[in-house]
Amino acid sequence: MIFLYVLFSVYILAVNFYGIRFAKAMRDGDDTGNSRAGDGKLVLTALLGGAISIYVTLLAMRYRINSMTLMIFLPVIAVLNIYCFFMAFRSIYMFM
């Protein structure tokens, strides 16, 4: 069972690390003129579990996305991610 905890924790950390790197790359790519190049990838990364790190990174860098729907739906997806993570860790505990 410890293996499942470690595996799930590594997954969460990897997706959040990728989300941070992707948000930084998106900000750096905005200087070149590609402002809407990665919205789909950003949403996919958020749905996979990186919504919290993406939202915090965008706020910390003071980067403003042109799409207002992303700034509204990222916190909603973050709440869903927290709920899913909680249920996943709780279900691993129930199988013990």
N, C-alpha and C. Protein backbone atom coordinates (compact mmCIF):
# COMPACT_ATOMS: atom_id res chain seq x y z
N MET A 1 0.80 -1.19 0.00
CA MET A 1 0.00 0.00 0.00
C MET A 1 0.85 1.27 0.00
N ILE A 2 2.02 1.16 0.60
CA ILE A 2 2.90 2.33 0.58
C ILE A 2 3.31 2.66 -0.85
N PHE A 3 3.44 1.61 -1.67
CA PHE A 3 3.79 1.83 -3.07
C PHE A 3 2.73 2.68 -3.77
N LEU A 4 1.46 2.47 -3.48
CA LEU A 4 0.39 3.26 -4.09
C LEU A 4 0.45 4.72 -3.65
N TYR A 5 0.74 4.94 -2.36
CA TYR A 5 0.90 6.31 -1.86
C TYR A 5 2.05 7.02 -2.58
N VAL A 6 3.17 6.33 -2.70
CA VAL A 6 4.35 6.92 -3.35
C VAL A 6 4.06 7.18 -4.82
N LEU A 7 3.44 6.21 -5.49
CA LEU A 7 3.14 6.35 -6.90
C LEU A 7 2.19 7.52 -7.16
N PHE A 8 1.14 7.63 -6.37
CA PHE A 8 0.18 8.72 -6.54
C PHE A 8 0.80 10.07 -6.19
N SER A 9 1.64 10.11 -5.17
CA SER A 9 2.30 11.35 -4.79
C SER A 9 3.27 11.82 -5.87
N VAL A 10 4.00 10.89 -6.47
CA VAL A 10 4.92 11.25 -7.55
C VAL A 10 4.14 11.76 -8.76
N TYR A 11 2.99 11.15 -9.04
CA TYR A 11 2.16 11.63 -10.14
C TYR A 11 1.70 13.06 -9.91
N ILE A 12 1.22 13.34 -8.70
CA ILE A 12 0.75 14.69 -8.38
C ILE A 12 1.89 15.70 -8.50
N LEU A 13 3.05 15.36 -7.96
CA LEU A 13 4.20 16.26 -8.05
C LEU A 13 4.65 16.47 -9.49
N ALA A 14 4.64 15.42 -10.30
CA ALA A 14 5.08 15.54 -11.69
C ALA A 14 4.14 16.43 -12.50
N VAL A 15 2.84 16.24 -12.32
CA VAL A 15 1.87 17.06 -13.06
C VAL A 15 1.96 18.52 -12.63
N ASN A 16 2.12 18.76 -11.34
CA ASN A 16 2.24 20.14 -10.87
C ASN A 16 3.53 20.78 -11.34
N PHE A 17 4.63 20.03 -11.36
CA PHE A 17 5.90 20.56 -11.87
C PHE A 17 5.77 20.90 -13.35
N TYR A 18 5.13 20.03 -14.12
CA TYR A 18 4.92 20.30 -15.54
C TYR A 18 4.03 21.53 -15.72
N GLY A 19 3.02 21.68 -14.87
CA GLY A 19 2.14 22.84 -14.95
C GLY A 19 2.89 24.14 -14.71
N ILE A 20 3.79 24.14 -13.73
CA ILE A 20 4.59 25.34 -13.45
C ILE A 20 5.49 25.66 -14.63
N ARG A 21 6.16 24.64 -15.15
CA ARG A 21 7.06 24.87 -16.29
C ARG A 21 6.29 25.34 -17.52
N PHE A 22 5.11 24.77 -17.72
CA PHE A 22 4.32 25.16 -18.88
C PHE A 22 3.80 26.58 -18.75
N ALA A 23 3.40 26.99 -17.57
CA ALA A 23 2.94 28.37 -17.37
C ALA A 23 4.08 29.35 -17.59
N LYS A 24 5.29 29.01 -17.14
CA LYS A 24 6.44 29.89 -17.38
C LYS A 24 6.77 29.96 -18.87
N ALA A 25 6.69 28.82 -19.55
CA ALA A 25 6.97 28.81 -20.99
C ALA A 25 5.91 29.59 -21.75
N MET A 26 4.68 29.53 -21.28
CA MET A 26 3.61 30.29 -21.92
C MET A 26 3.83 31.78 -21.75
N ARG A 27 4.29 32.21 -20.57
CA ARG A 27 4.57 33.62 -20.35
C ARG A 27 5.74 34.08 -21.22
N ASP A 28 6.78 33.25 -21.33
CA ASP A 28 7.93 33.63 -22.15
C ASP A 28 7.57 33.63 -23.63
N GLY A 29 6.67 32.74 -24.04
CA GLY A 29 6.25 32.71 -25.44
C GLY A 29 5.34 33.85 -25.80
N ASP A 30 4.74 34.47 -24.79
CA ASP A 30 3.86 35.61 -25.05
C ASP A 30 4.64 36.82 -25.56
N ASP A 31 5.90 36.92 -25.19
CA ASP A 31 6.73 38.02 -25.66
C ASP A 31 6.98 37.93 -27.16
N THR A 32 6.95 36.71 -27.70
CA THR A 32 7.20 36.53 -29.12
C THR A 32 5.95 36.71 -29.96
N GLY A 33 4.78 36.74 -29.34
CA GLY A 33 3.55 36.97 -30.09
C GLY A 33 2.60 35.80 -30.09
N ASN A 34 2.98 34.65 -29.54
CA ASN A 34 2.09 33.49 -29.50
C ASN A 34 1.32 33.50 -28.19
N SER A 35 0.29 34.32 -28.11
CA SER A 35 -0.43 34.45 -26.85
C SER A 35 -1.45 33.34 -26.65
N ARG A 36 -2.02 32.79 -27.71
CA ARG A 36 -3.06 31.78 -27.59
C ARG A 36 -2.56 30.40 -28.02
N ALA A 37 -1.27 30.18 -28.04
CA ALA A 37 -0.73 28.93 -28.57
C ALA A 37 -0.97 27.75 -27.66
N GLY A 38 -1.08 27.96 -26.35
CA GLY A 38 -1.13 26.82 -25.46
C GLY A 38 -2.31 26.74 -24.54
N ASP A 39 -3.43 27.34 -24.87
CA ASP A 39 -4.58 27.30 -23.97
C ASP A 39 -5.11 25.88 -23.81
N GLY A 40 -5.14 25.12 -24.88
CA GLY A 40 -5.63 23.75 -24.81
C GLY A 40 -4.74 22.87 -23.94
N LYS A 41 -3.44 23.04 -24.10
CA LYS A 41 -2.50 22.28 -23.27
C LYS A 41 -2.60 22.71 -21.80
N LEU A 42 -2.84 23.97 -21.59
CA LEU A 42 -2.99 24.48 -20.23
C LEU A 42 -4.21 23.88 -19.55
N VAL A 43 -5.32 23.80 -20.26
CA VAL A 43 -6.54 23.21 -19.71
C VAL A 43 -6.35 21.71 -19.47
N LEU A 44 -5.69 21.03 -20.39
CA LEU A 44 -5.45 19.59 -20.22
C LEU A 44 -4.58 19.32 -19.01
N THR A 45 -3.54 20.10 -18.82
CA THR A 45 -2.69 19.96 -17.66
C THR A 45 -3.46 20.25 -16.37
N ALA A 46 -4.34 21.22 -16.42
CA ALA A 46 -5.16 21.54 -15.24
C ALA A 46 -6.11 20.39 -14.92
N LEU A 47 -6.70 19.79 -15.93
CA LEU A 47 -7.61 18.68 -15.70
C LEU A 47 -6.90 17.44 -15.19
N LEU A 48 -5.65 17.26 -15.57
CA LEU A 48 -4.87 16.11 -15.10
C LEU A 48 -4.42 16.25 -13.66
N GLY A 49 -4.54 17.44 -13.09
CA GLY A 49 -4.22 17.61 -11.68
C GLY A 49 -3.31 18.77 -11.37
N GLY A 50 -3.00 19.61 -12.32
CA GLY A 50 -2.09 20.70 -12.07
C GLY A 50 -2.73 22.06 -12.00
N ALA A 51 -4.01 22.13 -11.73
CA ALA A 51 -4.72 23.41 -11.75
C ALA A 51 -4.24 24.36 -10.66
N ILE A 52 -3.94 23.82 -9.49
CA ILE A 52 -3.50 24.67 -8.38
C ILE A 52 -2.16 25.32 -8.71
N SER A 53 -1.23 24.51 -9.18
CA SER A 53 0.10 25.07 -9.47
C SER A 53 0.06 26.04 -10.64
N ILE A 54 -0.76 25.78 -11.64
CA ILE A 54 -0.87 26.70 -12.77
C ILE A 54 -1.46 28.03 -12.32
N TYR A 55 -2.53 27.97 -11.54
CA TYR A 55 -3.19 29.20 -11.10
C TYR A 55 -2.28 30.03 -10.20
N VAL A 56 -1.59 29.37 -9.27
CA VAL A 56 -0.69 30.09 -8.36
C VAL A 56 0.50 30.67 -9.14
N THR A 57 1.02 29.91 -10.10
CA THR A 57 2.14 30.41 -10.91
C THR A 57 1.73 31.61 -11.74
N LEU A 58 0.55 31.55 -12.34
CA LEU A 58 0.09 32.69 -13.14
C LEU A 58 -0.13 33.93 -12.28
N LEU A 59 -0.62 33.73 -11.06
CA LEU A 59 -0.80 34.88 -10.17
C LEU A 59 0.53 35.41 -9.65
N ALA A 60 1.47 34.52 -9.35
CA ALA A 60 2.76 34.95 -8.83
C ALA A 60 3.56 35.70 -9.88
N MET A 61 3.44 35.30 -11.14
CA MET A 61 4.17 35.97 -12.21
C MET A 61 3.43 37.19 -12.73
N ARG A 62 2.23 37.41 -12.21
CA ARG A 62 1.37 38.52 -12.65
C ARG A 62 1.12 38.48 -14.16
N TYR A 63 0.92 37.25 -14.63
CA TYR A 63 0.64 37.05 -16.05
C TYR A 63 -0.86 37.02 -16.25
N ARG A 64 -1.36 37.81 -17.15
CA ARG A 64 -2.79 37.88 -17.40
C ARG A 64 -3.12 37.18 -18.71
N ILE A 65 -3.97 36.20 -18.62
CA ILE A 65 -4.40 35.46 -19.80
C ILE A 65 -5.48 36.27 -20.50
N ASN A 66 -5.47 36.24 -21.82
CA ASN A 66 -6.49 36.97 -22.58
C ASN A 66 -7.86 36.34 -22.41
N SER A 67 -7.91 35.06 -22.16
CA SER A 67 -9.18 34.35 -22.03
C SER A 67 -9.66 34.43 -20.57
N MET A 68 -10.76 35.09 -20.35
CA MET A 68 -11.30 35.22 -19.00
C MET A 68 -11.87 33.90 -18.50
N THR A 69 -12.29 33.04 -19.41
CA THR A 69 -12.85 31.75 -18.97
C THR A 69 -11.80 30.89 -18.29
N LEU A 70 -10.55 30.98 -18.72
CA LEU A 70 -9.49 30.23 -18.05
C LEU A 70 -9.28 30.73 -16.62
N MET A 71 -9.33 32.03 -16.43
CA MET A 71 -9.14 32.56 -15.08
C MET A 71 -10.33 32.25 -14.18
N ILE A 72 -11.48 31.98 -14.75
CA ILE A 72 -12.64 31.59 -13.95
C ILE A 72 -12.63 30.09 -13.69
N PHE A 73 -12.32 29.29 -14.72
CA PHE A 73 -12.41 27.85 -14.57
C PHE A 73 -11.20 27.20 -13.90
N LEU A 74 -10.06 27.85 -13.87
CA LEU A 74 -8.91 27.26 -13.17
C LEU A 74 -9.17 27.06 -11.68
N PRO A 75 -9.74 28.02 -10.95
CA PRO A 75 -10.06 27.73 -9.54
C PRO A 75 -11.13 26.64 -9.37
N VAL A 76 -12.09 26.58 -10.30
CA VAL A 76 -13.11 25.52 -10.23
C VAL A 76 -12.48 24.16 -10.44
N ILE A 77 -11.60 24.07 -11.42
CA ILE A 77 -10.90 22.81 -11.67
C ILE A 77 -9.98 22.47 -10.49
N ALA A 78 -9.41 23.48 -9.86
CA ALA A 78 -8.55 23.24 -8.69
C ALA A 78 -9.34 22.62 -7.55
N VAL A 79 -10.55 23.10 -7.32
CA VAL A 79 -11.39 22.52 -6.27
C VAL A 79 -11.73 21.07 -6.61
N LEU A 80 -12.03 20.81 -7.86
CA LEU A 80 -12.30 19.43 -8.28
C LEU A 80 -11.06 18.55 -8.12
N ASN A 81 -9.89 19.09 -8.41
CA ASN A 81 -8.65 18.33 -8.23
C ASN A 81 -8.43 17.98 -6.77
N ILE A 82 -8.65 18.92 -5.88
CA ILE A 82 -8.48 18.66 -4.45
C ILE A 82 -9.45 17.58 -3.99
N TYR A 83 -10.68 17.65 -4.44
CA TYR A 83 -11.67 16.64 -4.07
C TYR A 83 -11.26 15.25 -4.59
N CYS A 84 -10.81 15.19 -5.84
CA CYS A 84 -10.40 13.90 -6.42
C CYS A 84 -9.17 13.35 -5.71
N PHE A 85 -8.20 14.21 -5.37
CA PHE A 85 -7.02 13.75 -4.65
C PHE A 85 -7.40 13.22 -3.27
N PHE A 86 -8.29 13.92 -2.60
CA PHE A 86 -8.74 13.48 -1.28
C PHE A 86 -9.43 12.12 -1.36
N MET A 87 -10.31 11.96 -2.34
CA MET A 87 -11.01 10.69 -2.49
C MET A 87 -10.06 9.57 -2.88
N ALA A 88 -9.05 9.87 -3.68
CA ALA A 88 -8.10 8.84 -4.08
C ALA A 88 -7.26 8.38 -2.89
N PHE A 89 -6.77 9.32 -2.08
CA PHE A 89 -5.99 8.93 -0.91
C PHE A 89 -6.87 8.21 0.11
N ARG A 90 -8.11 8.61 0.23
CA ARG A 90 -9.02 7.95 1.16
C ARG A 90 -9.34 6.53 0.70
N SER A 91 -9.50 6.32 -0.60
CA SER A 91 -9.80 4.99 -1.09
C SER A 91 -8.60 4.06 -0.97
N ILE A 92 -7.39 4.60 -1.11
CA ILE A 92 -6.19 3.78 -0.89
C ILE A 92 -6.15 3.33 0.56
N TYR A 93 -6.53 4.22 1.48
CA TYR A 93 -6.54 3.88 2.89
C TYR A 93 -7.59 2.82 3.18
N MET A 94 -8.71 2.84 2.50
CA MET A 94 -9.78 1.86 2.75
C MET A 94 -9.40 0.46 2.28
N PHE A 95 -8.51 0.34 1.31
CA PHE A 95 -8.10 -0.97 0.82
C PHE A 95 -7.09 -1.64 1.73
N MET A 96 -6.59 -0.93 2.72
CA MET A 96 -5.60 -1.52 3.62
C MET A 96 -6.21 -2.47 4.56
